[in-house]
């Protein structure tokens, strides 16, 4: 049987451990403040056919498609970097006027950086990637991605691969979501290893009601 002194000591020790655990949890919470909740990245498969308009864009602006394997293939998120990503996504969504390629260029599909302030989904993606690369994010960690959207139509988004998962920058919404919460079906994305595309296996995700 424990003595009164031993019992008191045990209680004090247990209390101290609870306080220490609580302080550690608070520290962890503070360290993650300003960052999105971590989630599992998407798994890529084999090769996929590159979109024709992407191939044409790469011929015109090869520097926008080059893959430098010396760069990191994921980015380490910090609260400040996350703020930059969120601000860039919002800024481009607000300043670019949505217009179809047929109305803009007189062709069915053309990819370009929208220097004239007009463009469709691929053009939003290319401008966001250009600006984020200028902010210091490695291009190799930012991949143009083709999905099937809520209207069962092809759509392009920018996937940023991070240590907290793969996040989607989309001109249809200002919120940046993990890939698995967009409600899209993932078809393919640019390869991280060479100037080519890789399959995402048609991975379907949960439905999201709020779309812009």
Protein backbone atom coordinates (compact mmCIF):
# COMPACT_ATOMS: atom_id res chain seq x y z
CA UNK A 1 0.00 0.00 0.00
CA UNK A 2 1.27 3.48 -0.88
CA UNK A 3 2.00 5.89 1.93
CA UNK A 4 0.27 9.28 2.01
CA UNK A 5 3.55 10.91 0.96
CA UNK A 6 4.02 8.50 -1.94
CA UNK A 7 0.41 9.01 -3.05
CA UNK A 8 0.80 12.79 -2.99
CA UNK A 9 4.04 12.54 -4.95
CA UNK A 10 2.39 10.33 -7.56
CA UNK A 11 -0.51 12.74 -7.92
CA UNK A 12 1.85 15.70 -8.30
CA UNK A 13 3.87 13.83 -10.91
CA UNK A 14 0.74 12.85 -12.85
CA UNK A 15 -0.49 16.44 -12.72
CA UNK A 16 2.83 17.72 -13.98
CA UNK A 17 2.74 15.26 -16.87
CA UNK A 18 -0.78 16.39 -17.81
CA UNK A 19 0.29 20.04 -17.74
CA UNK A 20 3.38 19.24 -19.82
CA UNK A 21 1.26 17.35 -22.33
CA UNK A 22 -1.20 20.20 -22.56
CA UNK A 23 1.60 22.73 -23.08
CA UNK A 24 3.12 20.53 -25.78
CA UNK A 25 -0.25 20.26 -27.55
CA UNK A 26 -0.64 24.02 -27.39
CA UNK A 27 2.86 24.47 -28.82
CA UNK A 28 2.05 22.07 -31.66
CA UNK A 29 -1.16 23.99 -32.34
CA UNK A 30 0.71 27.29 -32.42
CA UNK A 31 3.40 25.88 -34.72
CA UNK A 32 0.69 24.80 -37.22
CA UNK A 33 -1.20 28.07 -37.01
CA UNK A 34 -1.76 29.63 -40.39
CA UNK A 35 -1.16 26.35 -42.25
CA UNK A 36 -3.70 24.06 -43.93
CA UNK A 37 -4.50 20.68 -42.41
CA UNK A 38 -2.13 18.03 -43.75
CA UNK A 39 -3.49 15.29 -45.99
CA UNK A 40 -2.19 12.43 -48.13
CA UNK A 41 -0.84 13.31 -51.60
CA UNK A 42 -2.35 11.90 -54.77
CA UNK A 43 -0.67 8.88 -56.34
CA UNK A 44 0.45 9.18 -59.94
CA UNK A 45 0.51 6.32 -62.44
CA UNK A 46 2.15 5.79 -65.80
CA UNK A 47 2.57 8.08 -68.79
CA UNK A 48 -0.33 10.04 -70.24
CA UNK A 49 -0.79 11.87 -73.53
CA UNK A 50 0.01 15.57 -73.30
CA UNK A 51 -2.76 17.99 -74.33
CA UNK A 52 -2.12 19.31 -77.83
CA UNK A 53 -2.50 22.93 -76.75
CA UNK A 54 0.09 22.37 -74.00
CA UNK A 55 2.55 21.00 -76.56
CA UNK A 56 1.99 24.06 -78.72
CA UNK A 57 2.44 26.36 -75.71
CA UNK A 58 5.71 24.64 -74.82
CA UNK A 59 7.05 25.15 -78.33
CA UNK A 60 6.30 28.86 -78.05
CA UNK A 61 7.52 29.28 -74.46
CA UNK A 62 9.79 26.33 -73.56
CA UNK A 63 10.98 27.94 -70.33
CA UNK A 64 7.45 27.59 -68.92
CA UNK A 65 7.50 23.82 -69.44
CA UNK A 66 11.11 22.92 -68.61
CA UNK A 67 11.69 20.50 -65.73
CA UNK A 68 14.80 21.14 -63.60
CA UNK A 69 15.40 17.98 -61.55
CA UNK A 70 17.76 19.90 -59.30
CA UNK A 71 14.70 21.63 -57.88
CA UNK A 72 12.66 20.17 -55.04
CA UNK A 73 9.54 18.28 -56.16
CA UNK A 74 7.64 19.41 -53.06
CA UNK A 75 7.64 22.70 -51.20
CA UNK A 76 8.01 23.08 -47.43
CA UNK A 77 5.05 25.17 -46.32
CA UNK A 78 5.44 27.98 -43.83
CA UNK A 79 2.66 30.33 -42.70
CA UNK A 80 4.17 33.14 -44.77
CA UNK A 81 4.51 31.00 -47.89
CA UNK A 82 0.94 29.79 -47.50
CA UNK A 83 -0.22 33.41 -47.32
CA UNK A 84 1.65 34.10 -50.56
CA UNK A 85 -0.02 31.15 -52.29
CA UNK A 86 -3.48 32.17 -51.08
CA UNK A 87 -2.96 35.82 -52.04
CA UNK A 88 -1.67 34.91 -55.51
CA UNK A 89 -4.60 32.60 -56.18
CA UNK A 90 -7.08 35.29 -55.13
CA UNK A 91 -5.31 38.05 -57.06
CA UNK A 92 -5.25 36.16 -60.37
CA UNK A 93 -8.85 34.99 -59.95
CA UNK A 94 -9.95 38.59 -59.53
CA UNK A 95 -7.92 40.28 -62.25
CA UNK A 96 -8.39 37.89 -65.18
CA UNK A 97 -11.61 38.14 -67.17
CA UNK A 98 -12.89 34.66 -68.08
CA UNK A 99 -13.28 34.18 -71.82
CA UNK A 100 -13.31 31.12 -74.07
CA UNK A 101 -10.44 30.45 -76.45
CA UNK A 102 -12.85 30.70 -79.39
CA UNK A 103 -13.92 34.19 -78.34
CA UNK A 104 -10.38 35.17 -77.39
CA UNK A 105 -8.28 33.65 -80.16
CA UNK A 106 -10.73 32.19 -82.65
CA UNK A 107 -9.54 28.63 -81.96
CA UNK A 108 -10.97 25.79 -79.87
CA UNK A 109 -8.02 25.45 -77.48
CA UNK A 110 -4.97 27.64 -76.90
CA UNK A 111 -2.81 27.88 -73.77
CA UNK A 112 -1.09 31.14 -72.96
CA UNK A 113 -0.12 33.48 -70.13
CA UNK A 114 -2.95 36.06 -70.09
CA UNK A 115 -0.93 39.25 -70.47
CA UNK A 116 -4.01 41.00 -71.87
CA UNK A 117 -6.10 40.25 -68.78
CA UNK A 118 -8.32 37.64 -70.44
CA UNK A 119 -8.21 33.86 -70.50
CA UNK A 120 -9.73 30.50 -69.65
CA UNK A 121 -8.81 27.97 -66.97
CA UNK A 122 -5.41 26.97 -68.39
CA UNK A 123 -4.38 30.61 -68.66
CA UNK A 124 -5.24 31.25 -65.01
CA UNK A 125 -3.07 28.25 -64.11
CA UNK A 126 -0.08 29.43 -66.13
CA UNK A 127 -0.18 32.94 -64.68
CA UNK A 128 -0.46 31.65 -61.11
CA UNK A 129 2.51 29.36 -61.63
CA UNK A 130 4.58 32.13 -63.19
CA UNK A 131 3.92 34.48 -60.28
CA UNK A 132 4.53 31.86 -57.62
CA UNK A 133 7.79 30.86 -59.31
CA UNK A 134 8.81 34.51 -59.18
CA UNK A 135 8.00 34.38 -55.44
CA UNK A 136 10.48 31.54 -55.00
CA UNK A 137 8.40 28.35 -55.23
CA UNK A 138 10.15 25.71 -57.35
CA UNK A 139 8.37 25.18 -60.65
CA UNK A 140 8.87 21.44 -60.31
CA UNK A 141 6.52 21.47 -57.30
CA UNK A 142 3.76 23.18 -59.33
CA UNK A 143 2.06 21.02 -61.94
CA UNK A 144 -0.66 21.85 -64.44
CA UNK A 145 -3.38 19.27 -63.84
CA UNK A 146 -6.35 18.17 -65.94
CA UNK A 147 -9.55 17.13 -64.16
CA UNK A 148 -13.19 16.41 -64.93
CA UNK A 149 -15.28 19.03 -63.15
CA UNK A 150 -18.77 19.09 -61.62
CA UNK A 151 -20.30 19.59 -65.07
CA UNK A 152 -18.49 16.52 -66.43
CA UNK A 153 -16.28 18.80 -68.54
CA UNK A 154 -12.51 19.03 -68.85
CA UNK A 155 -10.92 21.63 -66.59
CA UNK A 156 -7.37 22.71 -65.71
CA UNK A 157 -6.09 23.56 -62.22
CA UNK A 158 -2.71 24.15 -60.63
CA UNK A 159 -1.52 21.47 -58.21
CA UNK A 160 1.08 22.55 -55.66
CA UNK A 161 2.87 19.60 -54.08
CA UNK A 162 3.84 20.30 -50.46
CA UNK A 163 5.04 18.56 -47.33
CA UNK A 164 1.42 18.81 -46.12
CA UNK A 165 -0.14 17.27 -49.22
CA UNK A 166 -1.21 18.33 -52.70
CA UNK A 167 -3.29 21.52 -52.90
CA UNK A 168 -5.40 22.82 -55.78
CA UNK A 169 -5.48 26.42 -57.06
CA UNK A 170 -8.64 26.87 -59.10
CA UNK A 171 -10.24 29.77 -60.97
CA UNK A 172 -13.69 28.40 -60.02
CA UNK A 173 -13.20 29.08 -56.33
CA UNK A 174 -10.96 31.21 -54.17
CA UNK A 175 -10.54 28.57 -51.45
CA UNK A 176 -7.45 26.40 -51.89
CA UNK A 177 -8.38 22.80 -51.11
CA UNK A 178 -6.54 19.50 -50.76
CA UNK A 179 -6.86 17.57 -54.03
CA UNK A 180 -9.16 15.03 -52.34
CA UNK A 181 -11.78 17.64 -51.35
CA UNK A 182 -12.44 19.35 -54.69
CA UNK A 183 -15.16 17.10 -56.03
CA UNK A 184 -13.15 16.56 -59.23
CA UNK A 185 -12.00 13.46 -61.06
CA UNK A 186 -8.23 13.62 -61.65
CA UNK A 187 -7.11 12.63 -65.13
CA UNK A 188 -3.45 13.63 -65.55
CA UNK A 189 -0.81 16.22 -64.71
CA UNK A 190 2.58 17.38 -65.92
CA UNK A 191 5.40 15.02 -65.02
CA UNK A 192 7.82 16.11 -62.32
CA UNK A 193 10.70 14.29 -63.97
CA UNK A 194 10.60 15.34 -67.64
CA UNK A 195 8.69 17.40 -70.19
CA UNK A 196 5.75 15.01 -70.39
CA UNK A 197 2.52 14.07 -68.63
CA UNK A 198 1.62 11.38 -66.12
CA UNK A 199 -1.69 9.66 -65.43
CA UNK A 200 -3.65 10.20 -62.22
CA UNK A 201 -5.85 7.21 -62.88
CA UNK A 202 -9.21 8.97 -62.97
CA UNK A 203 -9.32 9.32 -59.20
CA UNK A 204 -12.70 10.68 -58.14
CA UNK A 205 -13.04 12.81 -55.00
CA UNK A 206 -15.79 13.94 -52.66
CA UNK A 207 -18.35 16.45 -53.89
CA UNK A 208 -17.91 20.10 -52.95
CA UNK A 209 -21.09 22.17 -53.03
CA UNK A 210 -19.49 25.61 -53.14
CA UNK A 211 -18.10 26.45 -56.56
CA UNK A 212 -17.39 29.86 -58.08
